[in-house]
Amino acid sequence: MGLWTLLEGCLLLANALAILNEDRFLAPRGWSFQEYSGVKRNSFKGQILGLIYATQYLRVPLILLNLLCIVVKLVSG
C-alpha cells in the first residue's frame, strides 16, 4: 500500500462523511447538530460529530481534490 492509495482512501472517507444527510441519516440516530451542542465536545461522539460537520462545510475543497485525483488517474493510467 503506497502513500497515494492511503491519500485516496482518506479522500473517499471524507466524501462519504460529506454526503451524509442530517434529516434522513444523522437525526434519527441521535447525531444531529442540535445534539452536538449538548454533547461534550471532547468525547468520542463529539469528536466524530465535529468531523462530520467539518467535512460538510468543506465541500468545495473536496470537489477540487476529487478533480485533482481524477486528472492524476487519467494522466497516469
N, C-alpha and C. Protein backbone atom coordinates (compact mmCIF):
# COMPACT_ATOMS: atom_id res chain seq x y z
N MET A 1 0.86 -1.18 0.00
CA MET A 1 0.00 0.00 0.00
C MET A 1 0.90 1.23 0.00
N GLY A 2 0.70 2.06 -0.99
CA GLY A 2 1.52 3.24 -1.11
C GLY A 2 0.86 4.47 -0.51
N LEU A 3 1.60 5.56 -0.53
CA LEU A 3 1.10 6.82 0.02
C LEU A 3 -0.09 7.32 -0.80
N TRP A 4 -0.04 7.14 -2.13
CA TRP A 4 -1.14 7.61 -2.98
C TRP A 4 -2.43 6.87 -2.66
N THR A 5 -2.33 5.57 -2.43
CA THR A 5 -3.51 4.77 -2.09
C THR A 5 -4.09 5.20 -0.75
N LEU A 6 -3.22 5.50 0.20
CA LEU A 6 -3.68 5.98 1.51
C LEU A 6 -4.39 7.33 1.38
N LEU A 7 -3.86 8.23 0.57
CA LEU A 7 -4.49 9.52 0.36
C LEU A 7 -5.84 9.38 -0.35
N GLU A 8 -5.92 8.47 -1.31
CA GLU A 8 -7.20 8.22 -1.98
C GLU A 8 -8.24 7.67 -1.01
N GLY A 9 -7.82 6.80 -0.12
CA GLY A 9 -8.73 6.25 0.89
C GLY A 9 -9.25 7.32 1.82
N CYS A 10 -8.37 8.23 2.24
CA CYS A 10 -8.81 9.36 3.09
C CYS A 10 -9.77 10.27 2.35
N LEU A 11 -9.52 10.48 1.08
CA LEU A 11 -10.42 11.30 0.27
C LEU A 11 -11.79 10.64 0.12
N LEU A 12 -11.82 9.34 -0.06
CA LEU A 12 -13.09 8.63 -0.15
C LEU A 12 -13.85 8.68 1.17
N LEU A 13 -13.15 8.57 2.28
CA LEU A 13 -13.79 8.68 3.59
C LEU A 13 -14.36 10.07 3.81
N ALA A 14 -13.61 11.10 3.41
CA ALA A 14 -14.11 12.48 3.53
C ALA A 14 -15.34 12.70 2.65
N ASN A 15 -15.34 12.10 1.46
CA ASN A 15 -16.52 12.20 0.58
C ASN A 15 -17.73 11.52 1.22
N ALA A 16 -17.50 10.37 1.84
CA ALA A 16 -18.60 9.65 2.48
C ALA A 16 -19.19 10.46 3.63
N LEU A 17 -18.35 11.12 4.40
CA LEU A 17 -18.86 11.94 5.51
C LEU A 17 -19.55 13.20 5.02
N ALA A 18 -19.09 13.73 3.89
CA ALA A 18 -19.65 14.99 3.38
C ALA A 18 -21.06 14.83 2.82
N ILE A 19 -21.41 13.63 2.37
CA ILE A 19 -22.72 13.47 1.74
C ILE A 19 -23.79 12.97 2.70
N LEU A 20 -23.46 12.77 3.97
CA LEU A 20 -24.46 12.32 4.93
C LEU A 20 -25.53 13.39 5.12
N ASN A 21 -26.78 13.01 4.97
CA ASN A 21 -27.89 13.92 5.13
C ASN A 21 -28.31 13.94 6.60
N GLU A 22 -28.40 15.14 7.16
CA GLU A 22 -28.74 15.24 8.59
C GLU A 22 -30.17 14.80 8.87
N ASP A 23 -31.11 15.17 8.02
CA ASP A 23 -32.52 14.86 8.28
C ASP A 23 -32.81 13.37 8.13
N ARG A 24 -32.22 12.74 7.12
CA ARG A 24 -32.55 11.34 6.85
C ARG A 24 -31.65 10.34 7.55
N PHE A 25 -30.41 10.71 7.83
CA PHE A 25 -29.49 9.73 8.38
C PHE A 25 -29.03 10.06 9.80
N LEU A 26 -28.61 11.28 10.03
CA LEU A 26 -28.00 11.61 11.32
C LEU A 26 -29.01 11.83 12.44
N ALA A 27 -30.06 12.57 12.18
CA ALA A 27 -31.04 12.90 13.23
C ALA A 27 -31.76 11.67 13.79
N PRO A 28 -32.20 10.70 12.99
CA PRO A 28 -32.86 9.53 13.58
C PRO A 28 -31.94 8.70 14.49
N ARG A 29 -30.64 8.83 14.30
CA ARG A 29 -29.70 8.08 15.12
C ARG A 29 -29.16 8.88 16.29
N GLY A 30 -29.67 10.10 16.48
CA GLY A 30 -29.23 10.94 17.59
C GLY A 30 -27.92 11.66 17.35
N TRP A 31 -27.58 11.90 16.09
CA TRP A 31 -26.32 12.57 15.75
C TRP A 31 -26.57 13.91 15.06
N SER A 32 -27.62 14.61 15.44
CA SER A 32 -27.95 15.88 14.78
C SER A 32 -27.11 17.01 15.35
N PHE A 33 -27.13 18.14 14.66
CA PHE A 33 -26.34 19.29 15.08
C PHE A 33 -26.86 19.88 16.39
N GLN A 34 -28.15 19.77 16.66
CA GLN A 34 -28.69 20.27 17.92
C GLN A 34 -28.14 19.48 19.10
N GLU A 35 -27.93 18.20 18.92
CA GLU A 35 -27.38 17.39 20.00
C GLU A 35 -25.88 17.59 20.14
N TYR A 36 -25.23 18.10 19.11
CA TYR A 36 -23.79 18.34 19.17
C TYR A 36 -23.46 19.40 20.21
N SER A 37 -24.34 20.39 20.37
CA SER A 37 -24.08 21.44 21.35
C SER A 37 -24.22 20.91 22.77
N GLY A 38 -25.04 19.87 22.97
CA GLY A 38 -25.23 19.32 24.30
C GLY A 38 -24.19 18.26 24.66
N VAL A 39 -23.58 17.64 23.66
CA VAL A 39 -22.59 16.59 23.91
C VAL A 39 -21.27 17.24 24.27
N LYS A 40 -20.55 16.63 25.19
CA LYS A 40 -19.21 17.14 25.49
C LYS A 40 -18.36 17.04 24.24
N ARG A 41 -17.75 18.13 23.87
CA ARG A 41 -17.01 18.16 22.60
C ARG A 41 -15.72 17.36 22.67
N ASN A 42 -15.25 17.03 23.85
CA ASN A 42 -14.04 16.22 23.95
C ASN A 42 -14.34 14.73 23.96
N SER A 43 -15.61 14.36 24.02
CA SER A 43 -15.97 12.94 23.99
C SER A 43 -15.79 12.40 22.57
N PHE A 44 -15.82 11.07 22.47
CA PHE A 44 -15.64 10.44 21.15
C PHE A 44 -16.77 10.83 20.21
N LYS A 45 -18.00 10.83 20.70
CA LYS A 45 -19.15 11.19 19.87
C LYS A 45 -19.05 12.65 19.44
N GLY A 46 -18.63 13.53 20.32
CA GLY A 46 -18.46 14.94 19.98
C GLY A 46 -17.40 15.15 18.93
N GLN A 47 -16.30 14.38 19.01
CA GLN A 47 -15.24 14.50 18.02
C GLN A 47 -15.70 14.00 16.65
N ILE A 48 -16.44 12.90 16.62
CA ILE A 48 -16.95 12.37 15.35
C ILE A 48 -17.96 13.34 14.73
N LEU A 49 -18.85 13.90 15.55
CA LEU A 49 -19.81 14.87 15.03
C LEU A 49 -19.11 16.11 14.49
N GLY A 50 -18.09 16.56 15.17
CA GLY A 50 -17.31 17.70 14.68
C GLY A 50 -16.65 17.40 13.35
N LEU A 51 -16.13 16.18 13.19
CA LEU A 51 -15.52 15.78 11.93
C LEU A 51 -16.54 15.72 10.81
N ILE A 52 -17.73 15.20 11.10
CA ILE A 52 -18.79 15.12 10.08
C ILE A 52 -19.19 16.51 9.61
N TYR A 53 -19.41 17.42 10.54
CA TYR A 53 -19.85 18.76 10.15
C TYR A 53 -18.73 19.57 9.53
N ALA A 54 -17.48 19.30 9.88
CA ALA A 54 -16.37 19.99 9.22
C ALA A 54 -16.25 19.57 7.76
N THR A 55 -16.44 18.28 7.49
CA THR A 55 -16.36 17.83 6.10
C THR A 55 -17.54 18.33 5.28
N GLN A 56 -18.69 18.52 5.92
CA GLN A 56 -19.84 19.04 5.18
C GLN A 56 -19.65 20.51 4.83
N TYR A 57 -18.93 21.26 5.65
CA TYR A 57 -18.68 22.67 5.33
C TYR A 57 -17.56 22.83 4.32
N LEU A 58 -16.71 21.82 4.17
CA LEU A 58 -15.58 21.92 3.25
C LEU A 58 -15.83 21.15 1.96
N ARG A 59 -17.01 21.30 1.40
CA ARG A 59 -17.35 20.56 0.18
C ARG A 59 -16.61 21.08 -1.04
N VAL A 60 -16.39 22.37 -1.14
CA VAL A 60 -15.71 22.93 -2.31
C VAL A 60 -14.27 22.44 -2.40
N PRO A 61 -13.49 22.46 -1.30
CA PRO A 61 -12.15 21.87 -1.41
C PRO A 61 -12.18 20.37 -1.72
N LEU A 62 -13.19 19.67 -1.24
CA LEU A 62 -13.32 18.25 -1.57
C LEU A 62 -13.56 18.04 -3.06
N ILE A 63 -14.35 18.91 -3.65
CA ILE A 63 -14.61 18.81 -5.09
C ILE A 63 -13.30 19.04 -5.86
N LEU A 64 -12.53 20.02 -5.44
CA LEU A 64 -11.26 20.29 -6.11
C LEU A 64 -10.28 19.12 -5.94
N LEU A 65 -10.23 18.53 -4.76
CA LEU A 65 -9.36 17.38 -4.55
C LEU A 65 -9.81 16.18 -5.37
N ASN A 66 -11.12 16.00 -5.52
CA ASN A 66 -11.63 14.92 -6.36
C ASN A 66 -11.24 15.14 -7.82
N LEU A 67 -11.36 16.38 -8.29
CA LEU A 67 -10.95 16.69 -9.67
C LEU A 67 -9.47 16.43 -9.87
N LEU A 68 -8.64 16.81 -8.90
CA LEU A 68 -7.22 16.57 -8.98
C LEU A 68 -6.91 15.08 -9.03
N CYS A 69 -7.60 14.31 -8.22
CA CYS A 69 -7.42 12.87 -8.19
C CYS A 69 -7.82 12.25 -9.53
N ILE A 70 -8.89 12.71 -10.11
CA ILE A 70 -9.35 12.19 -11.40
C ILE A 70 -8.34 12.52 -12.50
N VAL A 71 -7.83 13.73 -12.50
CA VAL A 71 -6.84 14.13 -13.51
C VAL A 71 -5.57 13.30 -13.39
N VAL A 72 -5.11 13.09 -12.15
CA VAL A 72 -3.91 12.27 -11.95
C VAL A 72 -4.14 10.84 -12.42
N LYS A 73 -5.31 10.30 -12.14
CA LYS A 73 -5.63 8.94 -12.60
C LYS A 73 -5.69 8.86 -14.12
N LEU A 74 -6.24 9.88 -14.76
CA LEU A 74 -6.33 9.89 -16.22
C LEU A 74 -4.94 10.01 -16.87
N VAL A 75 -4.08 10.81 -16.27
CA VAL A 75 -2.75 11.01 -16.85
C VAL A 75 -1.86 9.80 -16.60
N SER A 76 -1.91 9.27 -15.38
CA SER A 76 -1.00 8.16 -15.05
C SER A 76 -1.47 6.81 -15.54
N GLY A 77 -2.76 6.71 -15.79
CA GLY A 77 -3.29 5.48 -16.35
C GLY A 77 -3.82 4.50 -15.39
